[in-house]
C-alpha atoms as a PDB file:
ATOM      1  CA  MET A   1      26.847  11.462 -13.130  1.00  0.00           C
ATOM      2  CA  LYS A   2      26.491   8.365 -12.625  1.00  0.00           C
ATOM      3  CA  PHE A   3      23.828   6.523 -10.160  1.00  0.00           C
ATOM      4  CA  GLY A   4      22.693   3.162  -8.354  1.00  0.00           C
ATOM      5  CA  VAL A   5      19.731   2.853  -7.092  1.00  0.00           C
ATOM      6  CA  LEU A   6      18.027   0.600  -4.641  1.00  0.00           C
ATOM      7  CA  VAL A   7      14.229   0.048  -4.339  1.00  0.00           C
ATOM      8  CA  SER A   8      13.694  -1.717  -0.756  1.00  0.00           C
ATOM      9  CA  GLU A   9       9.601  -1.671  -0.748  1.00  0.00           C
ATOM     10  CA  GLY A  10       6.665  -3.084  -2.725  1.00  0.00           C
ATOM     11  CA  PRO A  11       5.122  -0.992  -5.664  1.00  0.00           C
ATOM     12  CA  TYR A  12       1.638  -0.454  -3.916  1.00  0.00           C
ATOM     13  CA  THR A  13       2.596  -0.212   0.222  1.00  0.00           C
ATOM     14  CA  HIS A  14       4.973   2.245  -0.272  1.00  0.00           C
ATOM     15  CA  GLN A  15       5.707   5.552  -1.934  1.00  0.00           C
ATOM     16  CA  ALA A  16       9.603   4.077  -2.647  1.00  0.00           C
ATOM     17  CA  SER A  17       9.254   2.360  -5.494  1.00  0.00           C
ATOM     18  CA  ASP A  18       7.181   5.830  -7.130  1.00  0.00           C
ATOM     19  CA  SER A  19       9.473   7.765  -5.832  1.00  0.00           C
ATOM     20  CA  ALA A  20      12.503   5.848  -7.304  1.00  0.00           C
ATOM     21  CA  TYR A  21      10.605   5.322 -10.847  1.00  0.00           C
ATOM     22  CA  GLN A  22      10.455   9.427 -10.916  1.00  0.00           C
ATOM     23  CA  PHE A  23      14.365   9.352  -9.931  1.00  0.00           C
ATOM     24  CA  CYS A  24      15.364   7.626 -12.895  1.00  0.00           C
ATOM     25  CA  VAL A  25      13.300   9.664 -14.890  1.00  0.00           C
ATOM     26  CA  ALA A  26      14.332  13.103 -13.689  1.00  0.00           C
ATOM     27  CA  ALA A  27      18.156  12.223 -14.073  1.00  0.00           C
ATOM     28  CA  LEU A  28      18.084  10.315 -17.421  1.00  0.00           C
ATOM     29  CA  ALA A  29      16.496  13.363 -18.887  1.00  0.00           C
ATOM     30  CA  LYS A  30      19.420  15.465 -17.196  1.00  0.00           C
ATOM     31  CA  GLY A  31      21.886  13.327 -18.928  1.00  0.00           C
ATOM     32  CA  HIS A  32      22.769  11.334 -16.199  1.00  0.00           C
ATOM     33  CA  GLU A  33      23.111   7.258 -16.067  1.00  0.00           C
ATOM     34  CA  ILE A  34      21.568   5.137 -14.428  1.00  0.00           C
ATOM     35  CA  GLN A  35      24.088   2.125 -14.144  1.00  0.00           C
ATOM     36  CA  ARG A  36      21.605  -0.470 -12.259  1.00  0.00           C
ATOM     37  CA  VAL A  37      18.137  -0.145 -10.279  1.00  0.00           C
ATOM     38  CA  PHE A  38      18.685  -2.990  -7.414  1.00  0.00           C
ATOM     39  CA  PHE A  39      15.428  -4.368  -5.916  1.00  0.00           C
ATOM     40  CA  TYR A  40      15.494  -6.208  -2.727  1.00  0.00           C
ATOM     41  CA  HIS A  41      13.405  -7.169   0.517  1.00  0.00           C
ATOM     42  CA  ASP A  42       9.840  -6.161  -0.637  1.00  0.00           C
ATOM     43  CA  GLY A  43      11.020  -4.343  -3.712  1.00  0.00           C
ATOM     44  CA  VAL A  44      10.996  -7.311  -5.401  1.00  0.00           C
ATOM     45  CA  TYR A  45       7.480  -7.335  -5.729  1.00  0.00           C
ATOM     46  CA  ASN A  46       7.610  -4.616  -8.231  1.00  0.00           C
ATOM     47  CA  ALA A  47       9.018  -7.230 -10.677  1.00  0.00           C
ATOM     48  CA  THR A  48       6.233  -9.516 -10.978  1.00  0.00           C
ATOM     49  CA  ARG A  49       4.466  -9.519 -14.169  1.00  0.00           C
ATOM     50  CA  LEU A  50       1.566 -10.767 -12.260  1.00  0.00           C
ATOM     51  CA  THR A  51       0.712  -7.597 -10.669  1.00  0.00           C
ATOM     52  CA  GLU A  52      -2.222  -6.298 -12.137  1.00  0.00           C
ATOM     53  CA  PRO A  53      -3.444  -2.737 -10.688  1.00  0.00           C
ATOM     54  CA  PRO A  54      -7.352  -1.007 -11.580  1.00  0.00           C
ATOM     55  CA  GLN A  55      -7.532   0.528 -15.235  1.00  0.00           C
ATOM     56  CA  ASP A  56      -7.510   3.586 -13.183  1.00  0.00           C
ATOM     57  CA  ASP A  57      -4.130   3.480 -11.642  1.00  0.00           C
ATOM     58  CA  ARG A  58      -0.765   3.346 -12.414  1.00  0.00           C
ATOM     59  CA  HIS A  59       0.985   0.583 -13.377  1.00  0.00           C
ATOM     60  CA  ILE A  60       4.436   0.728 -11.859  1.00  0.00           C
ATOM     61  CA  VAL A  61       6.177  -2.963 -12.879  1.00  0.00           C
ATOM     62  CA  ASN A  62       5.118  -1.382 -16.844  1.00  0.00           C
ATOM     63  CA  ARG A  63       6.779   2.003 -15.656  1.00  0.00           C
ATOM     64  CA  TRP A  64      10.035   0.045 -14.748  1.00  0.00           C
ATOM     65  CA  SER A  65      10.046  -2.551 -17.818  1.00  0.00           C
ATOM     66  CA  THR A  66       9.158   0.804 -20.236  1.00  0.00           C
ATOM     67  CA  LEU A  67      11.944   1.944 -18.882  1.00  0.00           C
ATOM     68  CA  ASN A  68      14.236  -0.871 -19.135  1.00  0.00           C
ATOM     69  CA  ALA A  69      12.801  -1.136 -23.105  1.00  0.00           C
ATOM     70  CA  GLU A  70      13.876   2.299 -23.843  1.00  0.00           C
ATOM     71  CA  HIS A  71      16.635   3.175 -21.887  1.00  0.00           C
ATOM     72  CA  LYS A  72      18.440  -0.073 -21.312  1.00  0.00           C
ATOM     73  CA  VAL A  73      18.331   0.386 -17.611  1.00  0.00           C
ATOM     74  CA  ASP A  74      19.723  -2.905 -15.794  1.00  0.00           C
ATOM     75  CA  LEU A  75      16.528  -3.857 -13.280  1.00  0.00           C
ATOM     76  CA  VAL A  76      18.279  -6.589 -10.978  1.00  0.00           C
ATOM     77  CA  VAL A  77      15.955  -8.306  -8.382  1.00  0.00           C
ATOM     78  CA  CYS A  78      17.961  -9.564  -4.944  1.00  0.00           C
ATOM     79  CA  VAL A  79      17.293 -14.054  -5.599  1.00  0.00           C
ATOM     80  CA  ALA A  80      16.874 -14.260  -1.927  1.00  0.00           C
ATOM     81  CA  ALA A  81      14.411 -12.297  -1.565  1.00  0.00           C
ATOM     82  CA  ALA A  82      12.639 -12.902  -4.115  1.00  0.00           C
ATOM     83  CA  LEU A  83      12.640 -16.479  -3.685  1.00  0.00           C
ATOM     84  CA  ARG A  84      11.396 -15.880  -0.055  1.00  0.00           C
ATOM     85  CA  ARG A  85       8.994 -14.251  -1.855  1.00  0.00           C
ATOM     86  CA  GLY A  86       7.776 -16.732  -4.478  1.00  0.00           C
ATOM     87  CA  ILE A  87       9.167 -14.742  -7.302  1.00  0.00           C
ATOM     88  CA  LYS A  88      10.986 -16.709 -10.091  1.00  0.00           C
ATOM     89  CA  ASP A  89      11.960 -16.204 -13.419  1.00  0.00           C
ATOM     90  CA  GLU A  90       8.929 -17.265 -15.047  1.00  0.00           C
ATOM     91  CA  VAL A  91       6.871 -14.469 -13.204  1.00  0.00           C
ATOM     92  CA  LEU A  92       9.048 -12.068 -14.177  1.00  0.00           C
ATOM     93  CA  ALA A  93       8.044  -9.140 -16.207  1.00  0.00           C
ATOM     94  CA  PRO A  94       9.878  -8.009 -19.317  1.00  0.00           C
ATOM     95  CA  GLY A  95      12.850  -6.458 -18.446  1.00  0.00           C
ATOM     96  CA  PHE A  96      13.973  -7.824 -14.937  1.00  0.00           C
ATOM     97  CA  ARG A  97      16.356 -10.456 -14.222  1.00  0.00           C
ATOM     98  CA  ILE A  98      17.235 -11.884 -11.218  1.00  0.00           C
ATOM     99  CA  SER A  99      20.623 -12.481  -9.669  1.00  0.00           C
ATOM    100  CA  GLY A 100      22.436 -12.179  -6.422  1.00  0.00           C
ATOM    101  CA  LEU A 101      23.535  -9.491  -3.660  1.00  0.00           C
ATOM    102  CA  GLY A 102      26.783  -9.039  -5.334  1.00  0.00           C
ATOM    103  CA  GLN A 103      24.977  -6.928  -7.768  1.00  0.00           C
ATOM    104  CA  LEU A 104      24.194  -4.446  -5.604  1.00  0.00           C
ATOM    105  CA  VAL A 105      27.949  -4.262  -4.005  1.00  0.00           C
ATOM    106  CA  ASP A 106      28.973  -4.159  -7.922  1.00  0.00           C
ATOM    107  CA  SER A 107      26.345  -1.025  -8.112  1.00  0.00           C
ATOM    108  CA  GLY A 108      27.831   0.779  -5.459  1.00  0.00           C
ATOM    109  CA  ILE A 109      31.596   0.440  -6.722  1.00  0.00           C
ATOM    110  CA  LYS A 110      30.641   1.238 -10.261  1.00  0.00           C
ATOM    111  CA  ALA A 111      28.261   4.014  -9.454  1.00  0.00           C
ATOM    112  CA  ASP A 112      28.806   7.762  -8.292  1.00  0.00           C
ATOM    113  CA  ARG A 113      25.965   7.510  -6.053  1.00  0.00           C
ATOM    114  CA  LEU A 114      23.738   4.728  -4.733  1.00  0.00           C
ATOM    115  CA  VAL A 115      20.598   6.202  -4.120  1.00  0.00           C
ATOM    116  CA  THR A 116      18.536   4.274  -1.383  1.00  0.00           C
ATOM    117  CA  PHE A 117      14.333   3.879  -1.408  1.00  0.00           C
ATOM    118  CA  GLY A 118      12.842   2.721   1.379  1.00  0.00           C
ATOM    119  CA  ASP A 119      13.812   1.341   4.778  1.00  0.00           C
END
C-alpha cells in the first residue's frame, strides 16, 4: 500500500510528529511505501536544522532526515506555513524541501491512503 502522511504539529509540543514518524517506520518495515510526508501549519518546525534538543532527548528532526536518507521518503514543507514561521531554505535540515500545497493534493491523489497526524 502507498501512504501519504500529513504532519501539522511541531516536534516537541505534541505527539503527532513522533506518531507520524513511528507510523512511517512501521509501514516501511512491513513493505509499504511512503509516497510523501507533508509538513503543514506548526508541523513545519519538524524541518529546521536549528533544533537542538538536550542530549538525553530524542532528536525528531534528525529522525526525519535519516528516514529520507535511508528510504528516500519525500519530506515536503509547506512554503506558506514555513515563511510565516521564519523557516527558509537555508535553515532546512537535510532531506527536507519547501514546496506548495499542491504537493499535499498530489499526495492525496497518488497515495492509496492519506494519514494525518495533528489537528
